[in-house]
Amino acid sequence: MKKRIPVLTMLTVLTLGLLVAGCGGQKKQETQETVVRIGLMGEELRPAWTRAAEFLAAEGIKVDLVNFSDYAVPNRALADGDIELNSFQHDAFLQNEIANNGYQISSFGNTVIFFLGVYSNKIKTLEELKDGDTIVIMNDATNGGRALKVLESAGVFTLDPSKGNVPTVNDITVNPKNIKIVEVDAAQTYRTLDDPQVAAAVVNSNFVVDAGGVPLRDAIYIKPIDSESDKPYINIVVGRDADRDNETYKKVVAAFQTEEVKKVIEEEPPLTGIALPAW
């Protein structure tokens, strides 16, 4: 004879089953990953961000590093919502981008400051420059302005001090060797060193590293970092203004600004010797 199971017992078992299933579904939802796409230029910051991503993964935040090859694109991609954050520019560049394009984006935190150097296949020091020699710099206002200030710090010429952080070639006031300045796209500056007409070029560190160079070894001049005058050139994490209070993005910035990431910047290639922590 079959043994009957009381209806109350059956209902209890079903209820417990539903509760367990409900709890399981809730747990799955709580552990769902949040993806944050971060735009980069070049590969220099990738090791530091990879280290930060390890901390974030433990909090259910997956970092997707998206590489760009054109300085004009990462801020547009951010403004259009194709990425959540970017990490490739200093504040002077950002402010110029906002002024020219009306982007509603801003700095969410500091990362590093890159050394900016002068390179040459023709001379070993800037003192060897001859009358009428050509030096190549970047053609965008902020990087070009910084390049001019690097050359001024080396004694190549003097700039109008009233122009601040964004001087132009027209702001050279004293030019004892009649140095000619040629402006090209930042990504092309390193390649111009093979041009027989180019005596030297000011090149962003990322393009030097991408070409297999080592800034501290290869540069004929690197401007020392000054904590005050170089503040506009500190690299930053940038996000949309509407996301300023986003807790996930705050965690992303905090994960970068750790002692572990600082150690990567100071001790591991390619950042060691080309950048300093700046938070």
Protein backbone atom coordinates (compact mmCIF):
# COMPACT_ATOMS: atom_id res chain seq x y z
CA MET A 1 0.00 0.00 0.00
CA LYS A 2 1.33 3.44 -0.97
CA LYS A 3 2.19 5.78 1.85
CA ARG A 4 0.37 9.10 1.67
CA ILE A 5 2.27 12.38 2.15
CA PRO A 6 0.21 14.98 4.02
CA VAL A 7 -0.77 18.00 1.89
CA LEU A 8 0.71 20.42 4.46
CA THR A 9 4.09 18.68 4.19
CA MET A 10 4.01 18.91 0.40
CA LEU A 11 3.20 22.63 0.53
CA THR A 12 6.04 23.20 2.98
CA VAL A 13 8.54 21.46 0.68
CA LEU A 14 7.34 23.47 -2.32
CA THR A 15 7.55 26.74 -0.40
CA LEU A 16 11.09 25.99 0.76
CA GLY A 17 12.06 25.11 -2.80
CA LEU A 18 10.74 28.41 -4.08
CA LEU A 19 12.56 30.31 -1.35
CA VAL A 20 15.84 28.58 -2.15
CA ALA A 21 15.39 29.27 -5.85
CA GLY A 22 14.56 32.90 -5.07
CA CYS A 23 17.64 33.30 -2.92
CA GLY A 24 19.78 31.70 -5.62
CA GLY A 25 18.45 34.13 -8.22
CA GLN A 26 19.07 37.09 -5.93
CA LYS A 27 22.64 35.97 -5.25
CA LYS A 28 23.31 35.68 -8.99
CA GLN A 29 22.03 39.21 -9.54
CA GLU A 30 24.18 40.62 -6.73
CA THR A 31 27.37 39.15 -8.19
CA GLN A 32 26.69 40.35 -11.74
CA GLU A 33 29.75 42.07 -13.24
CA THR A 34 29.81 45.78 -14.07
CA VAL A 35 31.94 46.58 -17.12
CA VAL A 36 33.80 49.90 -17.29
CA ARG A 37 35.44 50.72 -20.62
CA ILE A 38 38.48 53.00 -20.27
CA GLY A 39 40.03 54.67 -23.31
CA LEU A 40 43.84 54.79 -23.58
CA MET A 41 46.40 56.16 -26.03
CA GLY A 42 49.39 53.86 -26.51
CA GLU A 43 50.40 51.09 -24.13
CA GLU A 44 52.26 52.97 -21.37
CA LEU A 45 49.43 53.13 -18.82
CA ARG A 46 48.11 49.63 -19.54
CA PRO A 47 50.27 47.85 -16.87
CA ALA A 48 49.16 50.32 -14.20
CA TRP A 49 45.50 49.99 -15.17
CA THR A 50 45.84 46.21 -15.36
CA ARG A 51 47.04 46.21 -11.75
CA ALA A 52 44.14 48.45 -10.71
CA ALA A 53 41.74 46.16 -12.56
CA GLU A 54 42.81 43.24 -10.34
CA PHE A 55 41.52 45.09 -7.26
CA LEU A 56 38.31 46.08 -9.02
CA ALA A 57 37.58 42.54 -10.17
CA ALA A 58 37.18 41.51 -6.53
CA GLU A 59 34.37 44.08 -6.29
CA GLY A 60 32.58 42.81 -9.38
CA ILE A 61 33.91 45.56 -11.65
CA LYS A 62 35.49 44.45 -14.92
CA VAL A 63 37.80 46.96 -16.62
CA ASP A 64 37.93 46.86 -20.41
CA LEU A 65 40.92 48.85 -21.73
CA VAL A 66 40.20 50.34 -25.16
CA ASN A 67 43.17 51.60 -27.16
CA PHE A 68 42.99 54.57 -29.55
CA SER A 69 45.57 55.88 -32.01
CA ASP A 70 44.25 59.41 -32.60
CA TYR A 71 44.19 62.04 -29.83
CA ALA A 72 40.97 63.51 -31.23
CA VAL A 73 38.95 60.32 -30.67
CA PRO A 74 38.93 59.31 -26.95
CA ASN A 75 37.05 62.40 -25.73
CA ARG A 76 34.53 62.12 -28.56
CA ALA A 77 34.03 58.44 -27.73
CA LEU A 78 33.51 59.36 -24.07
CA ALA A 79 31.03 62.12 -24.87
CA ASP A 80 29.13 59.77 -27.22
CA GLY A 81 28.91 57.02 -24.58
CA ASP A 82 31.14 54.53 -26.41
CA ILE A 83 33.37 54.33 -23.33
CA GLU A 84 32.74 55.20 -19.68
CA LEU A 85 36.11 56.85 -18.84
CA ASN A 86 39.36 57.73 -20.53
CA SER A 87 42.91 58.02 -19.25
CA PHE A 88 45.28 59.58 -21.78
CA GLN A 89 45.37 63.37 -21.41
CA HIS A 90 46.53 66.15 -19.12
CA ASP A 91 44.29 68.94 -17.90
CA ALA A 92 45.59 71.55 -20.36
CA PHE A 93 44.60 69.27 -23.26
CA LEU A 94 41.20 68.56 -21.70
CA GLN A 95 40.35 72.23 -21.24
CA ASN A 96 41.24 72.94 -24.87
CA GLU A 97 39.04 70.02 -26.02
CA ILE A 98 36.11 71.30 -23.97
CA ALA A 99 36.52 74.83 -25.30
CA ASN A 100 36.67 73.65 -28.93
CA ASN A 101 34.03 70.92 -28.86
CA GLY A 102 31.66 71.75 -26.01
CA TYR A 103 32.12 68.34 -24.38
CA GLN A 104 30.45 67.96 -20.98
CA ILE A 105 33.33 66.00 -19.48
CA SER A 106 35.75 66.67 -16.64
CA SER A 107 38.59 65.29 -14.54
CA PHE A 108 37.68 62.59 -12.03
CA GLY A 109 41.21 62.22 -10.60
CA ASN A 110 44.96 62.38 -11.26
CA THR A 111 47.14 59.54 -12.56
CA VAL A 112 50.71 60.34 -13.69
CA ILE A 113 52.82 63.06 -15.23
CA PHE A 114 54.94 62.12 -18.23
CA PHE A 115 58.36 63.51 -18.92
CA LEU A 116 58.53 65.36 -22.25
CA GLY A 117 61.80 65.05 -24.13
CA VAL A 118 63.69 66.26 -27.19
CA TYR A 119 65.13 63.63 -29.55
CA SER A 120 67.58 63.71 -32.45
CA ASN A 121 69.42 61.47 -34.87
CA LYS A 122 71.77 64.33 -35.81
CA ILE A 123 73.00 65.96 -32.60
CA LYS A 124 73.76 64.83 -29.05
CA THR A 125 72.88 68.07 -27.21
CA LEU A 126 70.76 71.11 -27.98
CA GLU A 127 73.90 73.25 -27.72
CA GLU A 128 74.93 71.71 -31.07
CA LEU A 129 71.98 73.32 -32.89
CA LYS A 130 73.15 75.46 -35.81
CA ASP A 131 71.71 78.72 -37.11
CA GLY A 132 68.46 78.07 -39.00
CA ASP A 133 68.04 74.45 -37.84
CA THR A 134 64.57 72.89 -37.79
CA ILE A 135 62.86 71.41 -34.74
CA VAL A 136 59.58 69.52 -35.04
CA ILE A 137 56.82 69.81 -32.41
CA MET A 138 53.18 68.66 -32.12
CA ASN A 139 50.54 70.63 -33.98
CA ASP A 140 47.84 70.59 -31.27
CA ALA A 141 47.69 73.68 -29.10
CA THR A 142 48.34 72.19 -25.67
CA ASN A 143 51.03 69.63 -26.49
CA GLY A 144 52.64 72.07 -28.89
CA GLY A 145 52.59 74.76 -26.22
CA ARG A 146 54.20 72.41 -23.72
CA ALA A 147 56.84 71.46 -26.32
CA LEU A 148 57.72 75.12 -26.81
CA LYS A 149 58.09 75.57 -23.06
CA VAL A 150 60.39 72.52 -22.94
CA LEU A 151 62.61 74.10 -25.59
CA GLU A 152 62.54 77.40 -23.70
CA SER A 153 63.62 75.63 -20.49
CA ALA A 154 66.61 74.25 -22.45
CA GLY A 155 67.60 77.75 -23.53
CA VAL A 156 66.76 77.34 -27.23
CA PHE A 157 64.65 80.52 -27.31
CA THR A 158 62.46 82.75 -25.12
CA LEU A 159 58.65 82.88 -25.08
CA ASP A 160 56.23 85.65 -24.22
CA PRO A 161 55.45 84.90 -20.53
CA SER A 162 51.95 86.38 -20.83
CA LYS A 163 50.87 83.40 -22.98
CA GLY A 164 50.90 81.00 -20.03
CA ASN A 165 50.66 77.27 -20.77
CA VAL A 166 49.58 77.51 -24.41
CA PRO A 167 52.14 79.64 -26.26
CA THR A 168 52.39 79.36 -30.04
CA VAL A 169 55.29 79.70 -32.45
CA ASN A 170 54.30 83.36 -32.88
CA ASP A 171 55.03 83.91 -29.18
CA ILE A 172 58.78 83.27 -29.54
CA THR A 173 60.30 86.62 -28.62
CA VAL A 174 64.04 85.89 -28.62
CA ASN A 175 65.48 83.30 -31.04
CA PRO A 176 69.28 83.68 -31.16
CA LYS A 177 69.86 80.75 -33.56
CA ASN A 178 66.82 81.48 -35.75
CA ILE A 179 65.45 78.02 -35.05
CA LYS A 180 62.58 77.05 -37.35
CA ILE A 181 59.64 75.27 -35.75
CA VAL A 182 57.62 72.81 -37.86
CA GLU A 183 54.34 71.50 -36.46
CA VAL A 184 53.05 68.00 -37.34
CA ASP A 185 50.57 65.53 -35.92
CA ALA A 186 51.84 64.22 -32.56
CA ALA A 187 51.93 60.63 -33.84
CA GLN A 188 54.33 61.67 -36.64
CA THR A 189 56.90 63.56 -34.56
CA TYR A 190 59.17 60.58 -33.85
CA ARG A 191 59.21 59.56 -37.52
CA THR A 192 60.48 62.98 -38.61
CA LEU A 193 63.83 62.25 -36.96
CA ASP A 194 64.81 60.37 -40.13
CA ASP A 195 64.20 63.49 -42.23
CA PRO A 196 67.60 65.00 -43.19
CA GLN A 197 66.10 68.49 -42.77
CA VAL A 198 65.07 67.90 -39.14
CA ALA A 199 67.68 68.54 -36.44
CA ALA A 200 65.48 67.47 -33.51
CA ALA A 201 61.90 66.82 -32.44
CA VAL A 202 59.91 67.07 -29.23
CA VAL A 203 58.07 63.77 -28.84
CA ASN A 204 55.51 62.43 -26.38
CA SER A 205 56.92 59.49 -24.40
CA ASN A 206 54.23 57.08 -25.58
CA PHE A 207 55.29 57.41 -29.21
CA VAL A 208 58.93 56.89 -28.26
CA VAL A 209 58.07 53.70 -26.38
CA ASP A 210 55.74 52.49 -29.16
CA ALA A 211 58.68 52.84 -31.57
CA GLY A 212 60.91 50.75 -29.31
CA GLY A 213 62.74 53.68 -27.71
CA VAL A 214 63.55 54.43 -24.08
CA PRO A 215 63.06 58.12 -23.20
CA LEU A 216 65.70 58.37 -20.46
CA ARG A 217 68.22 56.64 -22.69
CA ASP A 218 67.37 58.20 -26.04
CA ALA A 219 66.36 61.81 -25.30
CA ILE A 220 69.00 64.51 -25.73
CA TYR A 221 67.03 66.67 -23.28
CA ILE A 222 64.21 66.01 -20.80
CA LYS A 223 62.69 68.87 -18.86
CA PRO A 224 62.78 68.21 -15.09
CA ILE A 225 59.30 67.97 -13.52
CA ASP A 226 58.29 71.05 -11.53
CA SER A 227 55.46 70.52 -9.07
CA GLU A 228 53.95 73.96 -9.69
CA SER A 229 54.55 74.91 -13.33
CA ASP A 230 53.78 71.38 -14.58
CA LYS A 231 50.40 71.01 -12.83
CA PRO A 232 48.44 71.55 -16.08
CA TYR A 233 50.31 68.58 -17.58
CA ILE A 234 49.31 66.01 -14.96
CA ASN A 235 47.43 63.18 -16.65
CA ILE A 236 43.91 62.55 -15.45
CA VAL A 237 40.97 60.14 -15.53
CA VAL A 238 38.12 61.83 -17.39
CA GLY A 239 34.42 61.04 -17.33
CA ARG A 240 31.10 62.62 -18.26
CA ASP A 241 29.89 65.40 -15.97
CA ALA A 242 26.63 63.53 -15.45
CA ASP A 243 28.57 60.60 -13.97
CA ARG A 244 30.63 62.59 -11.47
CA ASP A 245 28.84 61.02 -8.48
CA ASN A 246 28.89 57.49 -9.90
CA GLU A 247 30.18 55.25 -7.11
CA THR A 248 31.61 52.67 -9.51
CA TYR A 249 33.77 55.27 -11.25
CA LYS A 250 34.94 56.60 -7.89
CA LYS A 251 36.10 53.07 -7.07
CA VAL A 252 37.93 52.90 -10.41
CA VAL A 253 39.89 56.07 -9.67
CA ALA A 254 40.60 54.96 -6.10
CA ALA A 255 41.91 51.60 -7.36
CA PHE A 256 44.42 53.39 -9.57
CA GLN A 257 45.55 55.72 -6.78
CA THR A 258 46.99 52.95 -4.60
CA GLU A 259 50.47 52.11 -3.39
CA GLU A 260 50.45 48.94 -5.50
CA VAL A 261 49.82 50.90 -8.70
CA LYS A 262 52.37 53.52 -7.65
CA LYS A 263 54.93 50.72 -7.40
CA VAL A 264 54.11 49.62 -10.96
CA ILE A 265 54.63 53.19 -12.22
CA GLU A 266 57.93 53.64 -10.41
CA GLU A 267 59.47 50.19 -10.86
CA GLU A 268 58.08 48.42 -13.93
CA PRO A 269 58.53 49.12 -17.65
CA PRO A 270 57.38 50.90 -19.68
CA LEU A 271 56.37 53.57 -17.12
CA THR A 272 59.53 53.51 -15.06
CA GLY A 273 61.74 56.37 -16.17
CA ILE A 274 59.10 58.12 -18.29
CA ALA A 275 56.44 59.08 -15.74
CA LEU A 276 55.85 59.79 -12.06
CA PRO A 277 52.77 59.13 -9.88
CA ALA A 278 50.86 62.41 -9.54
CA TRP A 279 48.11 62.02 -6.92
